[in-house]
PDB file of N, CA and C in Angstrom:
ATOM      1  N   MET A   1      96.399  64.508 143.721  1.00  0.00           N
ATOM      2  CA  MET A   1      96.417  63.373 143.520  1.00  0.00           C
ATOM      3  C   MET A   1      97.502  62.938 142.487  1.00  0.00           C
ATOM      4  N   ALA A   2      98.195  62.376 142.162  1.00  0.00           N
ATOM      5  CA  ALA A   2      98.994  61.969 141.334  1.00  0.00           C
ATOM      6  C   ALA A   2      98.226  60.987 140.254  1.00  0.00           C
ATOM      7  N   GLU A   3      98.569  61.497 138.928  1.00  0.00           N
ATOM      8  CA  GLU A   3      97.776  61.117 137.510  1.00  0.00           C
ATOM      9  C   GLU A   3      98.597  59.679 137.159  1.00  0.00           C
ATOM     10  N   GLU A   4      97.805  58.600 137.254  1.00  0.00           N
ATOM     11  CA  GLU A   4      98.530  57.230 136.867  1.00  0.00           C
ATOM     12  C   GLU A   4      98.051  56.863 135.307  1.00  0.00           C
ATOM     13  N   GLN A   5      98.855  56.510 134.577  1.00  0.00           N
ATOM     14  CA  GLN A   5      98.533  55.991 133.368  1.00  0.00           C
ATOM     15  C   GLN A   5      99.156  54.691 133.427  1.00  0.00           C
ATOM     16  N   GLN A   6      98.352  53.699 133.494  1.00  0.00           N
ATOM     17  CA  GLN A   6      98.911  52.450 133.445  1.00  0.00           C
ATOM     18  C   GLN A   6      99.254  51.456 132.061  1.00  0.00           C
ATOM     19  N   GLN A   7      98.692  52.113 131.084  1.00  0.00           N
ATOM     20  CA  GLN A   7      98.770  51.695 129.549  1.00  0.00           C
ATOM     21  C   GLN A   7     100.228  51.375 129.327  1.00  0.00           C
ATOM     22  N   GLN A   8     100.480  50.243 128.864  1.00  0.00           N
ATOM     23  CA  GLN A   8     102.013  50.142 128.483  1.00  0.00           C
ATOM     24  C   GLN A   8     102.160  51.342 127.327  1.00  0.00           C
ATOM     25  N   GLY A   9     103.739  51.843 127.612  1.00  0.00           N
ATOM     26  CA  GLY A   9     103.898  52.552 126.400  1.00  0.00           C
ATOM     27  C   GLY A   9     103.828  53.906 126.496  1.00  0.00           C
ATOM     28  N   GLU A  10     103.397  54.297 127.608  1.00  0.00           N
ATOM     29  CA  GLU A  10     102.834  55.688 128.123  1.00  0.00           C
ATOM     30  C   GLU A  10     103.710  56.138 129.380  1.00  0.00           C
ATOM     31  N   VAL A  11     104.115  57.344 129.458  1.00  0.00           N
ATOM     32  CA  VAL A  11     104.715  57.676 130.826  1.00  0.00           C
ATOM     33  C   VAL A  11     103.814  57.395 131.857  1.00  0.00           C
ATOM     34  N   LYS A  12     104.299  56.479 132.896  1.00  0.00           N
ATOM     35  CA  LYS A  12     103.582  56.014 133.905  1.00  0.00           C
ATOM     36  C   LYS A  12     102.793  56.852 134.860  1.00  0.00           C
ATOM     37  N   SER A  13     103.522  57.990 135.321  1.00  0.00           N
ATOM     38  CA  SER A  13     103.054  58.639 136.568  1.00  0.00           C
ATOM     39  C   SER A  13     103.392  60.251 136.279  1.00  0.00           C
ATOM     40  N   LYS A  14     102.295  60.985 136.653  1.00  0.00           N
ATOM     41  CA  LYS A  14     102.889  62.396 136.647  1.00  0.00           C
ATOM     42  C   LYS A  14     102.538  62.888 138.332  1.00  0.00           C
ATOM     43  N   VAL A  15     103.976  63.118 138.592  1.00  0.00           N
ATOM     44  CA  VAL A  15     104.008  63.728 139.995  1.00  0.00           C
ATOM     45  C   VAL A  15     103.460  65.001 140.336  1.00  0.00           C
ATOM     46  N   ASP A  16     102.416  64.886 141.136  1.00  0.00           N
ATOM     47  CA  ASP A  16     101.738  66.327 141.585  1.00  0.00           C
ATOM     48  C   ASP A  16     102.185  66.803 142.952  1.00  0.00           C
ATOM     49  N   SER A  17     102.669  65.985 143.821  1.00  0.00           N
ATOM     50  CA  SER A  17     102.818  66.363 145.145  1.00  0.00           C
ATOM     51  C   SER A  17     103.973  65.621 145.731  1.00  0.00           C
ATOM     52  N   GLU A  18     104.569  65.965 146.970  1.00  0.00           N
ATOM     53  CA  GLU A  18     105.587  65.455 147.476  1.00  0.00           C
ATOM     54  C   GLU A  18     105.342  63.982 147.956  1.00  0.00           C
ATOM     55  N   GLU A  19     103.794  63.949 148.448  1.00  0.00           N
ATOM     56  CA  GLU A  19     103.280  62.639 148.904  1.00  0.00           C
ATOM     57  C   GLU A  19     103.292  61.452 147.586  1.00  0.00           C
ATOM     58  N   SER A  20     102.945  62.124 146.442  1.00  0.00           N
ATOM     59  CA  SER A  20     102.882  61.009 145.149  1.00  0.00           C
ATOM     60  C   SER A  20     104.335  60.654 144.656  1.00  0.00           C
ATOM     61  N   TRP A  21     104.854  61.630 144.916  1.00  0.00           N
ATOM     62  CA  TRP A  21     106.501  61.311 144.718  1.00  0.00           C
ATOM     63  C   TRP A  21     107.156  60.150 145.726  1.00  0.00           C
ATOM     64  N   ASP A  22     106.526  60.459 146.970  1.00  0.00           N
ATOM     65  CA  ASP A  22     106.950  59.416 147.843  1.00  0.00           C
ATOM     66  C   ASP A  22     106.430  57.820 147.693  1.00  0.00           C
ATOM     67  N   LEU A  23     105.193  57.953 147.227  1.00  0.00           N
ATOM     68  CA  LEU A  23     104.527  56.773 146.997  1.00  0.00           C
ATOM     69  C   LEU A  23     105.282  55.922 145.798  1.00  0.00           C
ATOM     70  N   PHE A  24     105.388  56.942 144.487  1.00  0.00           N
ATOM     71  CA  PHE A  24     105.708  56.190 143.537  1.00  0.00           C
ATOM     72  C   PHE A  24     106.978  55.751 143.944  1.00  0.00           C
ATOM     73  N   THR A  25     108.038  56.539 144.287  1.00  0.00           N
ATOM     74  CA  THR A  25     109.606  55.936 144.324  1.00  0.00           C
ATOM     75  C   THR A  25     109.599  54.716 145.500  1.00  0.00           C
ATOM     76  N   THR A  26     108.585  54.654 146.611  1.00  0.00           N
ATOM     77  CA  THR A  26     108.663  53.587 147.337  1.00  0.00           C
ATOM     78  C   THR A  26     108.210  52.237 146.782  1.00  0.00           C
ATOM     79  N   GLN A  27     107.162  52.393 146.124  1.00  0.00           N
ATOM     80  CA  GLN A  27     106.924  51.331 145.208  1.00  0.00           C
ATOM     81  C   GLN A  27     107.820  50.632 144.263  1.00  0.00           C
ATOM     82  N   ALA A  28     108.309  51.552 143.677  1.00  0.00           N
ATOM     83  CA  ALA A  28     109.519  51.201 142.573  1.00  0.00           C
ATOM     84  C   ALA A  28     110.592  50.651 143.371  1.00  0.00           C
ATOM     85  N   ASP A  29     111.043  50.887 144.496  1.00  0.00           N
ATOM     86  CA  ASP A  29     112.126  50.445 145.436  1.00  0.00           C
ATOM     87  C   ASP A  29     111.596  49.050 146.005  1.00  0.00           C
ATOM     88  N   ASP A  30     110.380  48.850 146.272  1.00  0.00           N
ATOM     89  CA  ASP A  30     109.658  47.639 146.686  1.00  0.00           C
ATOM     90  C   ASP A  30     109.944  46.798 145.559  1.00  0.00           C
ATOM     91  N   ARG A  31     109.820  47.111 144.502  1.00  0.00           N
ATOM     92  CA  ARG A  31     109.856  45.988 143.342  1.00  0.00           C
ATOM     93  C   ARG A  31     111.161  45.830 142.628  1.00  0.00           C
ATOM     94  N   GLY A  32     112.145  46.723 143.054  1.00  0.00           N
ATOM     95  CA  GLY A  32     113.401  46.715 142.628  1.00  0.00           C
ATOM     96  C   GLY A  32     113.309  47.492 140.928  1.00  0.00           C
ATOM     97  N   CYS A  33     112.486  48.312 140.792  1.00  0.00           N
ATOM     98  CA  CYS A  33     112.080  48.900 139.520  1.00  0.00           C
ATOM     99  C   CYS A  33     113.030  50.240 139.522  1.00  0.00           C
ATOM    100  N   PRO A  34     113.702  50.327 138.319  1.00  0.00           N
ATOM    101  CA  PRO A  34     114.712  51.506 138.070  1.00  0.00           C
ATOM    102  C   PRO A  34     113.416  52.715 137.817  1.00  0.00           C
ATOM    103  N   VAL A  35     113.974  53.967 138.183  1.00  0.00           N
ATOM    104  CA  VAL A  35     113.190  55.064 138.174  1.00  0.00           C
ATOM    105  C   VAL A  35     113.711  56.335 136.925  1.00  0.00           C
ATOM    106  N   PHE A  36     113.112  56.708 136.035  1.00  0.00           N
ATOM    107  CA  PHE A  36     113.683  57.520 135.216  1.00  0.00           C
ATOM    108  C   PHE A  36     112.612  58.864 135.435  1.00  0.00           C
ATOM    109  N   VAL A  37     113.262  59.961 135.658  1.00  0.00           N
ATOM    110  CA  VAL A  37     112.509  61.272 135.978  1.00  0.00           C
ATOM    111  C   VAL A  37     112.866  62.178 135.091  1.00  0.00           C
ATOM    112  N   HIS A  38     111.947  62.958 134.604  1.00  0.00           N
ATOM    113  CA  HIS A  38     111.974  64.328 133.908  1.00  0.00           C
ATOM    114  C   HIS A  38     111.523  65.269 134.623  1.00  0.00           C
ATOM    115  N   PHE A  39     112.022  66.169 135.027  1.00  0.00           N
ATOM    116  CA  PHE A  39     111.957  67.293 135.716  1.00  0.00           C
ATOM    117  C   PHE A  39     111.644  68.506 134.626  1.00  0.00           C
ATOM    118  N   GLY A  40     110.466  68.871 134.290  1.00  0.00           N
ATOM    119  CA  GLY A  40     110.229  70.225 133.380  1.00  0.00           C
ATOM    120  C   GLY A  40     109.200  70.861 133.937  1.00  0.00           C
ATOM    121  N   ALA A  41     108.872  71.697 132.761  1.00  0.00           N
ATOM    122  CA  ALA A  41     107.674  72.931 133.134  1.00  0.00           C
ATOM    123  C   ALA A  41     107.239  73.263 131.672  1.00  0.00           C
ATOM    124  N   SER A  42     105.913  73.525 131.640  1.00  0.00           N
ATOM    125  CA  SER A  42     105.154  73.790 130.544  1.00  0.00           C
ATOM    126  C   SER A  42     105.764  75.148 129.961  1.00  0.00           C
ATOM    127  N   TRP A  43     106.409  75.918 130.744  1.00  0.00           N
ATOM    128  CA  TRP A  43     107.033  77.346 130.105  1.00  0.00           C
ATOM    129  C   TRP A  43     108.474  77.284 129.786  1.00  0.00           C
ATOM    130  N   CYS A  44     109.116  76.042 129.582  1.00  0.00           N
ATOM    131  CA  CYS A  44     110.131  75.821 129.438  1.00  0.00           C
ATOM    132  C   CYS A  44     110.325  74.978 127.880  1.00  0.00           C
ATOM    133  N   VAL A  45     110.894  75.778 126.995  1.00  0.00           N
ATOM    134  CA  VAL A  45     110.691  75.210 125.491  1.00  0.00           C
ATOM    135  C   VAL A  45     111.415  73.897 125.616  1.00  0.00           C
ATOM    136  N   PRO A  46     112.855  73.941 126.070  1.00  0.00           N
ATOM    137  CA  PRO A  46     113.420  72.558 125.888  1.00  0.00           C
ATOM    138  C   PRO A  46     112.696  71.423 126.519  1.00  0.00           C
ATOM    139  N   SER A  47     112.136  71.863 127.681  1.00  0.00           N
ATOM    140  CA  SER A  47     111.305  70.619 128.575  1.00  0.00           C
ATOM    141  C   SER A  47     110.477  70.119 127.351  1.00  0.00           C
ATOM    142  N   LEU A  48     109.642  70.860 126.837  1.00  0.00           N
ATOM    143  CA  LEU A  48     108.701  70.456 126.034  1.00  0.00           C
ATOM    144  C   LEU A  48     108.849  69.877 124.650  1.00  0.00           C
ATOM    145  N   ALA A  49     110.115  70.248 124.261  1.00  0.00           N
ATOM    146  CA  ALA A  49     110.824  69.413 123.249  1.00  0.00           C
ATOM    147  C   ALA A  49     111.246  68.096 123.454  1.00  0.00           C
ATOM    148  N   MET A  50     111.398  68.083 124.805  1.00  0.00           N
ATOM    149  CA  MET A  50     112.035  66.515 125.195  1.00  0.00           C
ATOM    150  C   MET A  50     110.892  65.526 125.716  1.00  0.00           C
ATOM    151  N   ASN A  51     109.687  66.114 125.787  1.00  0.00           N
ATOM    152  CA  ASN A  51     108.439  65.169 126.310  1.00  0.00           C
ATOM    153  C   ASN A  51     108.553  64.154 125.093  1.00  0.00           C
ATOM    154  N   THR A  52     108.717  64.604 123.831  1.00  0.00           N
ATOM    155  CA  THR A  52     108.558  63.250 122.710  1.00  0.00           C
ATOM    156  C   THR A  52     109.514  62.388 122.836  1.00  0.00           C
ATOM    157  N   CYS A  53     110.836  62.587 123.291  1.00  0.00           N
ATOM    158  CA  CYS A  53     111.878  61.676 123.385  1.00  0.00           C
ATOM    159  C   CYS A  53     111.502  60.830 124.634  1.00  0.00           C
ATOM    160  N   PHE A  54     111.300  61.502 125.864  1.00  0.00           N
ATOM    161  CA  PHE A  54     110.763  60.987 127.130  1.00  0.00           C
ATOM    162  C   PHE A  54     109.885  59.801 126.725  1.00  0.00           C
ATOM    163  N   GLN A  55     108.650  60.284 125.986  1.00  0.00           N
ATOM    164  CA  GLN A  55     107.609  59.241 125.646  1.00  0.00           C
ATOM    165  C   GLN A  55     108.108  58.016 125.036  1.00  0.00           C
ATOM    166  N   GLU A  56     109.209  58.413 123.918  1.00  0.00           N
ATOM    167  CA  GLU A  56     109.657  57.189 123.175  1.00  0.00           C
ATOM    168  C   GLU A  56     110.364  56.208 124.406  1.00  0.00           C
ATOM    169  N   LEU A  57     111.301  56.737 125.153  1.00  0.00           N
ATOM    170  CA  LEU A  57     111.786  55.994 125.911  1.00  0.00           C
ATOM    171  C   LEU A  57     110.888  55.171 126.956  1.00  0.00           C
ATOM    172  N   ALA A  58     109.927  55.684 127.351  1.00  0.00           N
ATOM    173  CA  ALA A  58     108.827  54.962 128.054  1.00  0.00           C
ATOM    174  C   ALA A  58     108.185  53.995 127.278  1.00  0.00           C
ATOM    175  N   ASN A  59     108.021  54.017 126.036  1.00  0.00           N
ATOM    176  CA  ASN A  59     107.486  52.922 125.045  1.00  0.00           C
ATOM    177  C   ASN A  59     108.584  51.866 124.730  1.00  0.00           C
ATOM    178  N   SER A  60     110.019  52.230 124.933  1.00  0.00           N
ATOM    179  CA  SER A  60     111.035  51.319 124.713  1.00  0.00           C
ATOM    180  C   SER A  60     111.357  50.199 125.868  1.00  0.00           C
ATOM    181  N   TYR A  61     110.997  51.113 127.059  1.00  0.00           N
ATOM    182  CA  TYR A  61     111.705  50.333 128.238  1.00  0.00           C
ATOM    183  C   TYR A  61     110.353  50.208 129.585  1.00  0.00           C
ATOM    184  N   PRO A  62     109.591  49.424 128.916  1.00  0.00           N
ATOM    185  CA  PRO A  62     108.258  49.234 129.880  1.00  0.00           C
ATOM    186  C   PRO A  62     108.573  48.664 131.411  1.00  0.00           C
ATOM    187  N   ASP A  63     109.895  48.431 131.775  1.00  0.00           N
ATOM    188  CA  ASP A  63     110.150  47.811 132.910  1.00  0.00           C
ATOM    189  C   ASP A  63     110.657  48.810 133.856  1.00  0.00           C
ATOM    190  N   ILE A  64     110.828  49.818 133.317  1.00  0.00           N
ATOM    191  CA  ILE A  64     111.317  51.358 134.011  1.00  0.00           C
ATOM    192  C   ILE A  64     109.993  52.151 134.324  1.00  0.00           C
ATOM    193  N   LEU A  65     110.012  52.739 135.724  1.00  0.00           N
ATOM    194  CA  LEU A  65     109.128  53.723 135.929  1.00  0.00           C
ATOM    195  C   LEU A  65     109.253  55.071 135.476  1.00  0.00           C
ATOM    196  N   PHE A  66     108.551  55.728 134.559  1.00  0.00           N
ATOM    197  CA  PHE A  66     108.970  56.964 133.856  1.00  0.00           C
ATOM    198  C   PHE A  66     108.127  57.815 134.778  1.00  0.00           C
ATOM    199  N   LEU A  67     108.758  58.837 135.315  1.00  0.00           N
ATOM    200  CA  LEU A  67     107.797  59.916 136.160  1.00  0.00           C
ATOM    201  C   LEU A  67     108.056  61.395 135.666  1.00  0.00           C
ATOM    202  N   LEU A  68     107.076  62.102 135.418  1.00  0.00           N
ATOM    203  CA  LEU A  68     107.251  63.323 135.041  1.00  0.00           C
ATOM    204  C   LEU A  68     106.940  64.387 135.960  1.00  0.00           C
ATOM    205  N   VAL A  69     107.741  65.154 136.881  1.00  0.00           N
ATOM    206  CA  VAL A  69     107.467  66.284 137.615  1.00  0.00           C
ATOM    207  C   VAL A  69     107.681  67.482 136.943  1.00  0.00           C
ATOM    208  N   ASP A  70     106.205  68.240 136.914  1.00  0.00           N
ATOM    209  CA  ASP A  70     106.080  69.411 136.216  1.00  0.00           C
ATOM    210  C   ASP A  70     106.141  70.567 137.027  1.00  0.00           C
ATOM    211  N   ASP A  71     107.252  71.675 136.825  1.00  0.00           N
ATOM    212  CA  ASP A  71     107.306  72.512 137.777  1.00  0.00           C
ATOM    213  C   ASP A  71     106.050  73.239 138.011  1.00  0.00           C
ATOM    214  N   ASP A  72     105.209  73.487 137.135  1.00  0.00           N
ATOM    215  CA  ASP A  72     103.849  74.261 137.281  1.00  0.00           C
ATOM    216  C   ASP A  72     102.906  73.786 138.043  1.00  0.00           C
ATOM    217  N   ASP A  73     103.160  72.343 138.216  1.00  0.00           N
ATOM    218  CA  ASP A  73     102.013  71.525 139.475  1.00  0.00           C
ATOM    219  C   ASP A  73     102.724  71.621 140.742  1.00  0.00           C
ATOM    220  N   MET A  74     104.154  71.770 140.749  1.00  0.00           N
ATOM    221  CA  MET A  74     104.899  71.633 141.970  1.00  0.00           C
ATOM    222  C   MET A  74     105.418  72.968 142.618  1.00  0.00           C
ATOM    223  N   ARG A  75     104.920  74.279 142.282  1.00  0.00           N
ATOM    224  CA  ARG A  75     105.588  75.373 142.607  1.00  0.00           C
ATOM    225  C   ARG A  75     105.857  75.563 144.312  1.00  0.00           C
ATOM    226  N   GLN A  76     105.005  74.935 145.028  1.00  0.00           N
ATOM    227  CA  GLN A  76     104.947  75.033 146.325  1.00  0.00           C
ATOM    228  C   GLN A  76     105.550  73.902 147.167  1.00  0.00           C
ATOM    229  N   GLU A  77     106.037  72.760 146.128  1.00  0.00           N
ATOM    230  CA  GLU A  77     106.403  71.544 146.780  1.00  0.00           C
ATOM    231  C   GLU A  77     107.941  71.573 146.530  1.00  0.00           C
ATOM    232  N   GLY A  78     108.564  70.406 147.217  1.00  0.00           N
ATOM    233  CA  GLY A  78     110.280  70.452 147.192  1.00  0.00           C
ATOM    234  C   GLY A  78     110.697  69.177 146.407  1.00  0.00           C
ATOM    235  N   VAL A  79     110.064  68.467 145.808  1.00  0.00           N
ATOM    236  CA  VAL A  79     110.682  67.391 145.010  1.00  0.00           C
ATOM    237  C   VAL A  79     111.772  67.681 144.207  1.00  0.00           C
ATOM    238  N   ALA A  80     111.828  68.993 143.281  1.00  0.00           N
ATOM    239  CA  ALA A  80     113.072  69.119 142.745  1.00  0.00           C
ATOM    240  C   ALA A  80     114.009  69.737 143.543  1.00  0.00           C
ATOM    241  N   SER A  81     113.754  70.277 144.794  1.00  0.00           N
ATOM    242  CA  SER A  81     114.863  70.679 145.611  1.00  0.00           C
ATOM    243  C   SER A  81     115.509  69.583 146.542  1.00  0.00           C
ATOM    244  N   ARG A  82     114.469  68.385 146.743  1.00  0.00           N
ATOM    245  CA  ARG A  82     114.969  67.327 147.316  1.00  0.00           C
ATOM    246  C   ARG A  82     116.120  66.486 146.648  1.00  0.00           C
ATOM    247  N   MET A  83     115.779  66.574 145.286  1.00  0.00           N
ATOM    248  CA  MET A  83     116.707  65.921 144.153  1.00  0.00           C
ATOM    249  C   MET A  83     117.910  66.937 143.637  1.00  0.00           C
ATOM    250  N   GLU A  84     117.753  68.256 144.195  1.00  0.00           N
ATOM    251  CA  GLU A  84     118.858  69.235 143.871  1.00  0.00           C
ATOM    252  C   GLU A  84     119.031  69.530 142.193  1.00  0.00           C
ATOM    253  N   VAL A  85     117.489  69.641 141.828  1.00  0.00           N
ATOM    254  CA  VAL A  85     117.359  70.027 140.493  1.00  0.00           C
ATOM    255  C   VAL A  85     117.516  71.585 140.527  1.00  0.00           C
ATOM    256  N   LYS A  86     118.458  71.829 139.644  1.00  0.00           N
ATOM    257  CA  LYS A  86     118.666  73.363 139.622  1.00  0.00           C
ATOM    258  C   LYS A  86     118.250  74.174 138.172  1.00  0.00           C
ATOM    259  N   ALA A  87     118.131  73.338 137.199  1.00  0.00           N
ATOM    260  CA  ALA A  87     117.733  73.705 135.818  1.00  0.00           C
ATOM    261  C   ALA A  87     116.614  72.792 135.118  1.00  0.00           C
ATOM    262  N   MET A  88     115.535  73.257 134.250  1.00  0.00           N
ATOM    263  CA  MET A  88     114.690  72.759 133.564  1.00  0.00           C
ATOM    264  C   MET A  88     115.249  72.700 132.056  1.00  0.00           C
ATOM    265  N   PRO A  89     115.078  71.626 131.363  1.00  0.00           N
ATOM    266  CA  PRO A  89     114.975  70.250 131.769  1.00  0.00           C
ATOM    267  C   PRO A  89     116.031  69.440 132.522  1.00  0.00           C
ATOM    268  N   SER A  90     115.572  68.693 133.559  1.00  0.00           N
ATOM    269  CA  SER A  90     116.485  67.866 133.989  1.00  0.00           C
ATOM    270  C   SER A  90     116.070  66.523 134.045  1.00  0.00           C
ATOM    271  N   PHE A  91     116.969  65.329 134.059  1.00  0.00           N
ATOM    272  CA  PHE A  91     116.753  64.113 134.153  1.00  0.00           C
ATOM    273  C   PHE A  91     117.488  63.236 135.135  1.00  0.00           C
ATOM    274  N   VAL A  92     116.785  62.436 135.800  1.00  0.00           N
ATOM    275  CA  VAL A  92     117.451  61.668 137.009  1.00  0.00           C
ATOM    276  C   VAL A  92     117.003  60.179 136.670  1.00  0.00           C
ATOM    277  N   LEU A  93     118.057  59.240 136.653  1.00  0.00           N
ATOM    278  CA  LEU A  93     117.811  57.766 136.774  1.00  0.00           C
ATOM    279  C   LEU A  93     118.431  57.088 138.011  1.00  0.00           C
ATOM    280  N   MET A  94     117.390  56.628 138.566  1.00  0.00           N
ATOM    281  CA  MET A  94     117.722  56.059 139.954  1.00  0.00           C
ATOM    282  C   MET A  94     117.598  54.469 139.366  1.00  0.00           C
ATOM    283  N   LYS A  95     118.768  53.888 140.156  1.00  0.00           N
ATOM    284  CA  LYS A  95     118.455  52.442 140.018  1.00  0.00           C
ATOM    285  C   LYS A  95     118.071  51.678 141.266  1.00  0.00           C
ATOM    286  N   GLN A  96     118.410  52.527 142.396  1.00  0.00           N
ATOM    287  CA  GLN A  96     117.765  52.160 143.834  1.00  0.00           C
ATOM    288  C   GLN A  96     117.522  53.030 144.668  1.00  0.00           C
ATOM    289  N   TRP A  97     116.439  53.389 145.121  1.00  0.00           N
ATOM    290  CA  TRP A  97     115.633  54.627 145.903  1.00  0.00           C
ATOM    291  C   TRP A  97     116.492  54.682 147.200  1.00  0.00           C
ATOM    292  N   HIS A  98     116.089  53.729 148.300  1.00  0.00           N
ATOM    293  CA  HIS A  98     116.382  53.805 149.588  1.00  0.00           C
ATOM    294  C   HIS A  98     116.531  55.089 150.257  1.00  0.00           C
ATOM    295  N   GLY A  99     115.803  56.257 149.770  1.00  0.00           N
ATOM    296  CA  GLY A  99     115.535  57.133 150.271  1.00  0.00           C
ATOM    297  C   GLY A  99     116.741  58.279 149.575  1.00  0.00           C
ATOM    298  N   GLY A 100     117.371  57.799 148.597  1.00  0.00           N
ATOM    299  CA  GLY A 100     118.359  58.688 147.883  1.00  0.00           C
ATOM    300  C   GLY A 100     118.804  58.119 146.758  1.00  0.00           C
ATOM    301  N   VAL A 101     119.611  58.887 145.818  1.00  0.00           N
ATOM    302  CA  VAL A 101     119.773  58.616 144.420  1.00  0.00           C
ATOM    303  C   VAL A 101     121.201  57.681 144.624  1.00  0.00           C
ATOM    304  N   GLU A 102     121.360  56.821 143.843  1.00  0.00           N
ATOM    305  CA  GLU A 102     122.582  56.036 143.657  1.00  0.00           C
ATOM    306  C   GLU A 102     122.947  55.972 142.272  1.00  0.00           C
TER     307      GLU A 102
END
């Protein structure tokens, strides 16, 4: 199940399955909310270094849904593949979802 942190100024959601990814992106699309995604992993030093910056962005832009996709939690899942992520860390900003990236 996805971990949701609804307190303002925190990364809102940690994606832990394809189902939670679909839920979060559908909700954001329904609200017309941009989504900023950090694809990272605990074994990736640059990903860990970017966590603070990502958190600061979440604090500064409360109207954007910030998602964290951790490769350690998603080894058997295909979200990174669906989004064509080839390296960690990777960042994707989606203005409108509609099933794909704009």
